[in-house]
Amino acid sequence: MTAKARILLAVASVAAAAVVVSVVIVTMSGSSVASEPLSPYSDFQLYDLEELETLQVKLTYVGPQKKPTQTLAFTSSFNTLDMSRFVPYRQPDIHYSNDDITLRTCTASPEELDLLIDKAGELEAVTNGGVAAEPIVSFMLFNSTEAGDKGFDVILNEADTAALFDKIG
């Protein structure tokens, strides 16, 4: 199975979880506050293929749920995924508890990561960043290059999540 196929399969699983309507909202204690400033999405659009070798991406379901939903996280085969690198860039009052269960992971080529950044960047809801009124999915990027560490997180509602999956799927 190709890297793109693995990513698409995992994205489809996250998308299916995002459309589940639940009655019970899991309330977690200790929501985290971003300790590092978020970088603008445009910073990630400027990376060349060599810099994309260290890009890490994750999609986390952060909406109402009855049971945990696996986070999808991936990076290039030139890098090792490190979920702890995302933590300082978390949005306040958003619960990322699904990051704490077994993850769905895969790798992507720098070219595939570049395409993902370009396609997601076509959506104003993504590039503007921020937190939707009815949060469903966190789309988070982290990269560590010679220029330093950069993190981006946008919390999307159901419609914008569907638009993102349409773009990157």
N, C-alpha and C. Protein backbone atom coordinates (compact mmCIF):
# COMPACT_ATOMS: atom_id res chain seq x y z
N MET A 1 0.85 -1.17 0.00
CA MET A 1 0.00 0.00 0.00
C MET A 1 0.90 1.24 0.00
N THR A 2 0.60 2.17 -0.86
CA THR A 2 1.41 3.39 -0.96
C THR A 2 1.17 4.29 0.23
N ALA A 3 2.09 5.23 0.44
CA ALA A 3 1.95 6.20 1.54
C ALA A 3 0.67 7.00 1.37
N LYS A 4 0.38 7.39 0.14
CA LYS A 4 -0.84 8.18 -0.11
C LYS A 4 -2.08 7.36 0.24
N ALA A 5 -2.09 6.09 -0.11
CA ALA A 5 -3.23 5.23 0.19
C ALA A 5 -3.39 5.06 1.70
N ARG A 6 -2.27 4.91 2.42
CA ARG A 6 -2.35 4.78 3.88
C ARG A 6 -2.90 6.05 4.50
N ILE A 7 -2.45 7.21 4.01
CA ILE A 7 -2.95 8.49 4.52
C ILE A 7 -4.44 8.61 4.24
N LEU A 8 -4.85 8.30 3.02
CA LEU A 8 -6.27 8.42 2.66
C LEU A 8 -7.14 7.48 3.48
N LEU A 9 -6.66 6.26 3.74
CA LEU A 9 -7.41 5.32 4.56
C LEU A 9 -7.56 5.86 5.97
N ALA A 10 -6.49 6.38 6.53
CA ALA A 10 -6.55 6.92 7.88
C ALA A 10 -7.42 8.17 7.94
N VAL A 11 -7.33 9.03 6.93
CA VAL A 11 -8.17 10.24 6.88
C VAL A 11 -9.64 9.83 6.81
N ALA A 12 -9.95 8.80 6.05
CA ALA A 12 -11.33 8.35 5.95
C ALA A 12 -11.85 7.88 7.30
N SER A 13 -11.00 7.23 8.09
CA SER A 13 -11.40 6.79 9.43
C SER A 13 -11.69 7.98 10.33
N VAL A 14 -10.82 9.00 10.26
CA VAL A 14 -11.04 10.20 11.06
C VAL A 14 -12.31 10.91 10.59
N ALA A 15 -12.53 10.97 9.28
CA ALA A 15 -13.72 11.63 8.74
C ALA A 15 -14.98 10.93 9.20
N ALA A 16 -14.97 9.61 9.23
CA ALA A 16 -16.14 8.87 9.68
C ALA A 16 -16.45 9.20 11.13
N ALA A 17 -15.42 9.32 11.95
CA ALA A 17 -15.63 9.66 13.35
C ALA A 17 -16.16 11.08 13.50
N ALA A 18 -15.75 11.96 12.61
CA ALA A 18 -16.15 13.37 12.71
C ALA A 18 -17.63 13.58 12.45
N VAL A 19 -18.28 12.68 11.74
CA VAL A 19 -19.69 12.87 11.43
C VAL A 19 -20.62 12.17 12.42
N VAL A 20 -20.05 11.49 13.40
CA VAL A 20 -20.86 10.82 14.41
C VAL A 20 -21.49 11.87 15.31
N VAL A 21 -22.81 11.80 15.44
CA VAL A 21 -23.50 12.71 16.35
C VAL A 21 -23.63 11.97 17.67
N SER A 22 -23.15 12.61 18.75
CA SER A 22 -23.21 11.93 20.04
C SER A 22 -24.02 12.73 21.04
N VAL A 23 -24.55 12.03 21.99
CA VAL A 23 -25.35 12.65 23.03
C VAL A 23 -24.48 12.98 24.23
N VAL A 24 -23.48 12.14 24.46
CA VAL A 24 -22.62 12.32 25.62
C VAL A 24 -21.34 13.01 25.19
N ILE A 25 -20.99 14.07 25.89
CA ILE A 25 -19.73 14.77 25.62
C ILE A 25 -18.75 14.34 26.70
N VAL A 26 -17.60 13.86 26.26
CA VAL A 26 -16.58 13.47 27.20
C VAL A 26 -15.90 14.73 27.70
N THR A 27 -15.92 14.92 29.00
CA THR A 27 -15.31 16.10 29.58
C THR A 27 -14.00 15.68 30.23
N MET A 28 -12.93 16.25 29.78
CA MET A 28 -11.62 15.96 30.32
C MET A 28 -11.15 17.14 31.15
N SER A 29 -10.39 16.85 32.16
CA SER A 29 -9.87 17.94 32.98
C SER A 29 -8.52 18.38 32.45
N GLY A 30 -8.14 19.59 32.83
CA GLY A 30 -6.80 20.08 32.52
C GLY A 30 -6.58 20.40 31.07
N SER A 31 -7.42 21.20 30.48
CA SER A 31 -7.16 21.59 29.10
C SER A 31 -5.86 22.36 29.04
N SER A 32 -5.14 22.16 27.97
CA SER A 32 -3.82 22.76 27.87
C SER A 32 -3.88 24.12 27.20
N VAL A 33 -2.93 24.94 27.51
CA VAL A 33 -2.82 26.26 26.91
C VAL A 33 -1.52 26.30 26.11
N ALA A 34 -1.59 26.82 24.91
CA ALA A 34 -0.40 26.89 24.07
C ALA A 34 0.68 27.68 24.78
N SER A 35 1.85 27.06 24.93
CA SER A 35 2.95 27.76 25.58
C SER A 35 3.89 28.38 24.55
N GLU A 36 3.71 28.03 23.30
CA GLU A 36 4.49 28.60 22.21
C GLU A 36 3.54 29.31 21.25
N PRO A 37 3.97 30.43 20.70
CA PRO A 37 3.09 31.12 19.74
C PRO A 37 2.93 30.29 18.47
N LEU A 38 1.73 30.33 17.92
CA LEU A 38 1.47 29.61 16.67
C LEU A 38 2.05 30.38 15.50
N SER A 39 2.61 29.66 14.56
CA SER A 39 3.12 30.27 13.33
C SER A 39 1.98 30.37 12.33
N PRO A 40 2.04 31.35 11.43
CA PRO A 40 1.01 31.42 10.39
C PRO A 40 1.16 30.25 9.41
N TYR A 41 0.05 29.85 8.82
CA TYR A 41 0.06 28.75 7.86
C TYR A 41 1.02 29.04 6.71
N SER A 42 1.11 30.30 6.34
CA SER A 42 1.97 30.68 5.21
C SER A 42 3.43 30.29 5.43
N ASP A 43 3.88 30.21 6.68
CA ASP A 43 5.25 29.75 6.94
C ASP A 43 5.46 28.34 6.41
N PHE A 44 4.47 27.49 6.56
CA PHE A 44 4.58 26.10 6.11
C PHE A 44 4.49 26.00 4.59
N GLN A 45 3.81 26.94 3.97
CA GLN A 45 3.71 26.96 2.51
C GLN A 45 5.03 27.34 1.84
N LEU A 46 5.94 27.93 2.60
CA LEU A 46 7.22 28.37 2.05
C LEU A 46 8.32 27.31 2.12
N TYR A 47 8.07 26.21 2.82
CA TYR A 47 9.11 25.19 2.96
C TYR A 47 9.43 24.53 1.63
N ASP A 48 10.72 24.28 1.41
CA ASP A 48 11.12 23.50 0.24
C ASP A 48 11.07 22.01 0.60
N LEU A 49 11.31 21.15 -0.37
CA LEU A 49 11.18 19.71 -0.14
C LEU A 49 12.13 19.21 0.94
N GLU A 50 13.31 19.76 1.02
CA GLU A 50 14.25 19.33 2.06
C GLU A 50 13.72 19.67 3.44
N GLU A 51 13.15 20.85 3.60
CA GLU A 51 12.58 21.24 4.89
C GLU A 51 11.34 20.43 5.24
N LEU A 52 10.62 19.97 4.22
CA LEU A 52 9.43 19.15 4.47
C LEU A 52 9.78 17.74 4.93
N GLU A 53 11.05 17.35 4.84
CA GLU A 53 11.47 16.04 5.34
C GLU A 53 11.23 15.92 6.84
N THR A 54 11.16 17.04 7.55
CA THR A 54 10.97 17.01 9.00
C THR A 54 9.58 17.46 9.43
N LEU A 55 8.70 17.74 8.49
CA LEU A 55 7.34 18.16 8.82
C LEU A 55 6.57 17.01 9.46
N GLN A 56 5.83 17.34 10.52
CA GLN A 56 4.93 16.39 11.15
C GLN A 56 3.51 16.96 11.06
N VAL A 57 2.55 16.09 10.80
CA VAL A 57 1.16 16.50 10.62
C VAL A 57 0.29 15.59 11.48
N LYS A 58 -0.76 16.17 12.07
CA LYS A 58 -1.72 15.32 12.76
C LYS A 58 -3.13 15.87 12.62
N LEU A 59 -4.07 14.96 12.60
CA LEU A 59 -5.50 15.27 12.59
C LEU A 59 -6.10 14.60 13.81
N THR A 60 -6.65 15.40 14.71
CA THR A 60 -7.20 14.89 15.96
C THR A 60 -8.68 15.24 16.05
N TYR A 61 -9.51 14.26 16.31
CA TYR A 61 -10.92 14.51 16.57
C TYR A 61 -11.04 15.13 17.95
N VAL A 62 -11.63 16.33 18.03
CA VAL A 62 -11.75 17.05 19.30
C VAL A 62 -13.21 17.39 19.62
N GLY A 63 -14.14 16.81 18.88
CA GLY A 63 -15.56 17.09 19.09
C GLY A 63 -16.17 16.16 20.11
N PRO A 64 -17.50 16.25 20.25
CA PRO A 64 -18.22 15.39 21.19
C PRO A 64 -18.05 13.93 20.78
N GLN A 65 -17.93 13.07 21.78
CA GLN A 65 -17.74 11.66 21.45
C GLN A 65 -18.17 10.78 22.60
N LYS A 66 -18.53 9.54 22.25
CA LYS A 66 -18.89 8.53 23.25
C LYS A 66 -17.70 7.65 23.58
N LYS A 67 -16.80 7.51 22.64
CA LYS A 67 -15.62 6.67 22.86
C LYS A 67 -14.44 7.32 22.14
N PRO A 68 -13.23 6.96 22.52
CA PRO A 68 -12.04 7.56 21.90
C PRO A 68 -11.98 7.29 20.39
N THR A 69 -11.38 8.23 19.68
CA THR A 69 -11.18 8.15 18.24
C THR A 69 -9.70 8.35 17.96
N GLN A 70 -9.11 7.44 17.23
CA GLN A 70 -7.67 7.52 16.97
C GLN A 70 -7.29 8.78 16.20
N THR A 71 -6.20 9.38 16.64
CA THR A 71 -5.57 10.49 15.93
C THR A 71 -4.76 9.91 14.77
N LEU A 72 -4.78 10.61 13.66
CA LEU A 72 -3.93 10.27 12.52
C LEU A 72 -2.72 11.20 12.56
N ALA A 73 -1.53 10.63 12.56
CA ALA A 73 -0.31 11.44 12.59
C ALA A 73 0.69 10.85 11.60
N PHE A 74 1.40 11.75 10.91
CA PHE A 74 2.37 11.26 9.94
C PHE A 74 3.48 12.27 9.71
N THR A 75 4.56 11.76 9.17
CA THR A 75 5.73 12.55 8.81
C THR A 75 6.39 11.84 7.63
N SER A 76 7.52 12.35 7.19
CA SER A 76 8.21 11.69 6.08
C SER A 76 9.04 10.52 6.60
N SER A 77 9.47 9.67 5.69
CA SER A 77 10.31 8.54 6.07
C SER A 77 11.71 9.00 6.48
N PHE A 78 12.02 10.27 6.27
CA PHE A 78 13.31 10.84 6.68
C PHE A 78 13.29 11.28 8.14
N ASN A 79 12.14 11.17 8.79
CA ASN A 79 11.95 11.74 10.12
C ASN A 79 11.29 10.70 11.03
N THR A 80 11.33 10.96 12.32
CA THR A 80 10.64 10.14 13.31
C THR A 80 9.53 10.97 13.93
N LEU A 81 8.33 10.43 13.92
CA LEU A 81 7.19 11.12 14.51
C LEU A 81 7.39 11.27 16.01
N ASP A 82 7.17 12.47 16.52
CA ASP A 82 7.32 12.75 17.95
C ASP A 82 6.12 13.59 18.39
N MET A 83 5.12 12.93 18.95
CA MET A 83 3.88 13.61 19.34
C MET A 83 4.10 14.69 20.39
N SER A 84 5.13 14.58 21.17
CA SER A 84 5.38 15.59 22.21
C SER A 84 5.69 16.96 21.60
N ARG A 85 6.14 16.98 20.35
CA ARG A 85 6.48 18.26 19.71
C ARG A 85 5.24 19.11 19.42
N PHE A 86 4.07 18.48 19.35
CA PHE A 86 2.82 19.21 19.09
C PHE A 86 2.28 19.90 20.35
N VAL A 87 2.57 19.34 21.50
CA VAL A 87 1.94 19.78 22.76
C VAL A 87 2.06 21.28 23.02
N PRO A 88 3.22 21.91 22.84
CA PRO A 88 3.32 23.35 23.14
C PRO A 88 2.46 24.24 22.25
N TYR A 89 1.90 23.68 21.18
CA TYR A 89 1.13 24.49 20.23
C TYR A 89 -0.37 24.22 20.32
N ARG A 90 -0.79 23.48 21.32
CA ARG A 90 -2.21 23.18 21.48
C ARG A 90 -3.00 24.44 21.81
N GLN A 91 -4.23 24.48 21.31
CA GLN A 91 -5.14 25.59 21.57
C GLN A 91 -5.71 25.45 22.99
N PRO A 92 -5.89 26.58 23.68
CA PRO A 92 -6.50 26.52 25.01
C PRO A 92 -7.96 26.05 24.92
N ASP A 93 -8.39 25.35 25.94
CA ASP A 93 -9.78 24.89 26.09
C ASP A 93 -10.22 23.89 25.03
N ILE A 94 -9.29 23.29 24.34
CA ILE A 94 -9.58 22.20 23.40
C ILE A 94 -8.98 20.94 24.01
N HIS A 95 -9.74 19.86 23.98
CA HIS A 95 -9.29 18.61 24.60
C HIS A 95 -8.70 17.69 23.54
N TYR A 96 -7.43 17.42 23.70
CA TYR A 96 -6.68 16.60 22.75
C TYR A 96 -6.49 15.18 23.29
N SER A 97 -7.43 14.69 24.08
CA SER A 97 -7.27 13.39 24.74
C SER A 97 -7.11 12.24 23.75
N ASN A 98 -7.62 12.38 22.53
CA ASN A 98 -7.45 11.31 21.54
C ASN A 98 -5.99 11.14 21.12
N ASP A 99 -5.16 12.14 21.40
CA ASP A 99 -3.72 12.01 21.12
C ASP A 99 -3.06 11.02 22.08
N ASP A 100 -3.75 10.71 23.19
CA ASP A 100 -3.16 9.88 24.23
C ASP A 100 -3.47 8.40 24.08
N ILE A 101 -4.24 8.03 23.06
CA ILE A 101 -4.51 6.62 22.81
C ILE A 101 -3.66 6.17 21.63
N THR A 102 -3.75 4.91 21.28
CA THR A 102 -2.99 4.39 20.15
C THR A 102 -3.30 5.20 18.89
N LEU A 103 -2.26 5.62 18.22
CA LEU A 103 -2.38 6.47 17.03
C LEU A 103 -2.47 5.65 15.76
N ARG A 104 -3.01 6.26 14.73
CA ARG A 104 -2.88 5.75 13.36
C ARG A 104 -1.74 6.54 12.76
N THR A 105 -0.69 5.88 12.34
CA THR A 105 0.47 6.58 11.81
C THR A 105 0.85 6.02 10.44
N CYS A 106 1.52 6.85 9.69
CA CYS A 106 2.07 6.44 8.40
C CYS A 106 3.11 7.46 7.99
N THR A 107 3.74 7.21 6.87
CA THR A 107 4.72 8.17 6.35
C THR A 107 4.25 8.67 4.99
N ALA A 108 4.80 9.80 4.62
CA ALA A 108 4.50 10.41 3.32
C ALA A 108 5.80 10.98 2.77
N SER A 109 5.91 11.06 1.48
CA SER A 109 7.09 11.66 0.88
C SER A 109 7.03 13.18 1.05
N PRO A 110 8.16 13.85 0.99
CA PRO A 110 8.14 15.32 1.03
C PRO A 110 7.24 15.91 -0.06
N GLU A 111 7.19 15.26 -1.21
CA GLU A 111 6.33 15.74 -2.30
C GLU A 111 4.85 15.62 -1.92
N GLU A 112 4.49 14.52 -1.26
CA GLU A 112 3.10 14.35 -0.81
C GLU A 112 2.76 15.36 0.29
N LEU A 113 3.72 15.62 1.18
CA LEU A 113 3.49 16.63 2.22
C LEU A 113 3.34 18.02 1.61
N ASP A 114 4.12 18.30 0.59
CA ASP A 114 4.02 19.59 -0.11
C ASP A 114 2.64 19.74 -0.74
N LEU A 115 2.15 18.68 -1.36
CA LEU A 115 0.82 18.71 -1.97
C LEU A 115 -0.26 18.90 -0.91
N LEU A 116 -0.12 18.22 0.22
CA LEU A 116 -1.08 18.38 1.31
C LEU A 116 -1.11 19.83 1.79
N ILE A 117 0.05 20.43 2.00
CA ILE A 117 0.13 21.84 2.44
C ILE A 117 -0.52 22.75 1.40
N ASP A 118 -0.24 22.51 0.13
CA ASP A 118 -0.83 23.33 -0.94
C ASP A 118 -2.34 23.19 -0.98
N LYS A 119 -2.85 21.95 -0.95
CA LYS A 119 -4.29 21.71 -1.06
C LYS A 119 -5.03 22.26 0.16
N ALA A 120 -4.53 21.98 1.36
CA ALA A 120 -5.17 22.51 2.57
C ALA A 120 -5.12 24.03 2.57
N GLY A 121 -4.05 24.58 2.01
CA GLY A 121 -3.88 26.03 1.95
C GLY A 121 -4.86 26.74 1.03
N GLU A 122 -5.64 25.99 0.26
CA GLU A 122 -6.68 26.58 -0.57
C GLU A 122 -7.93 26.93 0.23
N LEU A 123 -7.96 26.50 1.49
CA LEU A 123 -9.13 26.73 2.35
C LEU A 123 -8.86 27.87 3.32
N GLU A 124 -9.66 28.91 3.22
CA GLU A 124 -9.50 30.06 4.11
C GLU A 124 -9.68 29.66 5.58
N ALA A 125 -10.57 28.70 5.84
CA ALA A 125 -10.79 28.25 7.21
C ALA A 125 -9.52 27.67 7.81
N VAL A 126 -8.69 27.08 6.97
CA VAL A 126 -7.41 26.53 7.44
C VAL A 126 -6.39 27.65 7.59
N THR A 127 -6.17 28.41 6.54
CA THR A 127 -5.09 29.41 6.56
C THR A 127 -5.33 30.52 7.58
N ASN A 128 -6.59 30.81 7.88
CA ASN A 128 -6.88 31.84 8.89
C ASN A 128 -6.59 31.37 10.30
N GLY A 129 -6.51 30.05 10.51
CA GLY A 129 -6.26 29.52 11.84
C GLY A 129 -7.45 29.76 12.75
N GLY A 130 -7.21 29.62 14.05
CA GLY A 130 -8.26 29.90 15.02
C GLY A 130 -9.01 28.67 15.46
N VAL A 131 -10.10 28.93 16.19
CA VAL A 131 -10.91 27.88 16.79
C VAL A 131 -12.37 28.07 16.38
N ALA A 132 -12.95 27.07 15.76
CA ALA A 132 -14.36 27.11 15.35
C ALA A 132 -15.26 27.08 16.58
N ALA A 133 -16.44 27.66 16.45
CA ALA A 133 -17.41 27.69 17.55
C ALA A 133 -17.85 26.28 17.95
N GLU A 134 -17.96 25.38 16.98
CA GLU A 134 -18.32 23.99 17.26
C GLU A 134 -17.18 23.09 16.79
N PRO A 135 -16.15 22.93 17.63
CA PRO A 135 -14.94 22.21 17.21
C PRO A 135 -15.18 20.73 16.93
N ILE A 136 -14.57 20.28 15.84
CA ILE A 136 -14.65 18.87 15.47
C ILE A 136 -13.25 18.26 15.30
N VAL A 137 -12.38 18.91 14.54
CA VAL A 137 -11.05 18.35 14.24
C VAL A 137 -9.97 19.42 14.39
N SER A 138 -8.86 19.00 15.00
CA SER A 138 -7.65 19.82 15.04
C SER A 138 -6.75 19.37 13.90
N PHE A 139 -6.34 20.32 13.07
CA PHE A 139 -5.37 20.07 12.00
C PHE A 139 -4.11 20.79 12.43
N MET A 140 -3.09 20.01 12.79
CA MET A 140 -1.89 20.59 13.39
C MET A 140 -0.66 20.21 12.59
N LEU A 141 0.25 21.19 12.46
CA LEU A 141 1.53 21.01 11.79
C LEU A 141 2.64 21.39 12.75
N PHE A 142 3.74 20.67 12.68
CA PHE A 142 4.94 21.03 13.43
C PHE A 142 6.14 20.77 12.54
N ASN A 143 7.10 21.69 12.58
CA ASN A 143 8.35 21.46 11.86
C ASN A 143 9.50 22.08 12.64
N SER A 144 10.61 21.39 12.60
CA SER A 144 11.84 21.87 13.20
C SER A 144 12.90 21.92 12.11
N THR A 145 13.33 23.14 11.78
CA THR A 145 14.34 23.33 10.74
C THR A 145 15.46 24.19 11.31
N GLU A 146 16.42 24.50 10.47
CA GLU A 146 17.51 25.38 10.91
C GLU A 146 16.98 26.74 11.35
N ALA A 147 15.83 27.14 10.83
CA ALA A 147 15.22 28.43 11.21
C ALA A 147 14.52 28.36 12.56
N GLY A 148 14.39 27.16 13.12
CA GLY A 148 13.75 27.00 14.43
C GLY A 148 12.47 26.18 14.34
N ASP A 149 11.83 26.02 15.50
CA ASP A 149 10.60 25.25 15.59
C ASP A 149 9.40 26.11 15.23
N LYS A 150 8.44 25.50 14.52
CA LYS A 150 7.20 26.20 14.17
C LYS A 150 6.04 25.24 14.33
N GLY A 151 4.96 25.76 14.90
CA GLY A 151 3.76 24.97 15.06
C GLY A 151 2.54 25.74 14.61
N PHE A 152 1.58 25.02 14.07
CA PHE A 152 0.32 25.61 13.60
C PHE A 152 -0.80 24.68 14.02
N ASP A 153 -1.89 25.24 14.49
CA ASP A 153 -3.07 24.45 14.84
C ASP A 153 -4.31 25.23 14.47
N VAL A 154 -5.22 24.60 13.78
CA VAL A 154 -6.52 25.19 13.50
C VAL A 154 -7.57 24.18 13.94
N ILE A 155 -8.60 24.68 14.59
CA ILE A 155 -9.70 23.83 15.03
C ILE A 155 -10.88 24.09 14.11
N LEU A 156 -11.27 23.06 13.38
CA LEU A 156 -12.29 23.18 12.34
C LEU A 156 -13.65 22.65 12.80
N ASN A 157 -14.71 23.25 12.26
CA ASN A 157 -16.05 22.73 12.51
C ASN A 157 -16.33 21.60 11.51
N GLU A 158 -17.54 21.05 11.56
CA GLU A 158 -17.85 19.89 10.71
C GLU A 158 -17.75 20.21 9.22
N ALA A 159 -18.31 21.34 8.80
CA ALA A 159 -18.29 21.70 7.38
C ALA A 159 -16.86 21.94 6.88
N ASP A 160 -16.06 22.65 7.68
CA ASP A 160 -14.68 22.92 7.26
C ASP A 160 -13.82 21.66 7.32
N THR A 161 -14.14 20.76 8.25
CA THR A 161 -13.44 19.47 8.30
C THR A 161 -13.73 18.68 7.02
N ALA A 162 -14.99 18.65 6.62
CA ALA A 162 -15.35 17.95 5.38
C ALA A 162 -14.65 18.58 4.18
N ALA A 163 -14.57 19.90 4.15
CA ALA A 163 -13.87 20.59 3.05
C ALA A 163 -12.39 20.23 3.04
N LEU A 164 -11.78 20.17 4.22
CA LEU A 164 -10.37 19.80 4.31
C LEU A 164 -10.17 18.38 3.79
N PHE A 165 -11.00 17.44 4.22
CA PHE A 165 -10.86 16.06 3.77
C PHE A 165 -11.09 15.94 2.27
N ASP A 166 -11.99 16.75 1.73
CA ASP A 166 -12.19 16.76 0.27
C ASP A 166 -10.92 17.22 -0.45
N LYS A 167 -10.27 18.24 0.10
CA LYS A 167 -9.05 18.78 -0.53
C LYS A 167 -7.88 17.81 -0.46
N ILE A 168 -7.69 17.19 0.71
CA ILE A 168 -6.50 16.35 0.89
C ILE A 168 -6.77 14.89 0.58
N GLY A 169 -8.02 14.52 0.39
CA GLY A 169 -8.38 13.13 0.14
C GLY A 169 -8.26 12.82 -1.30
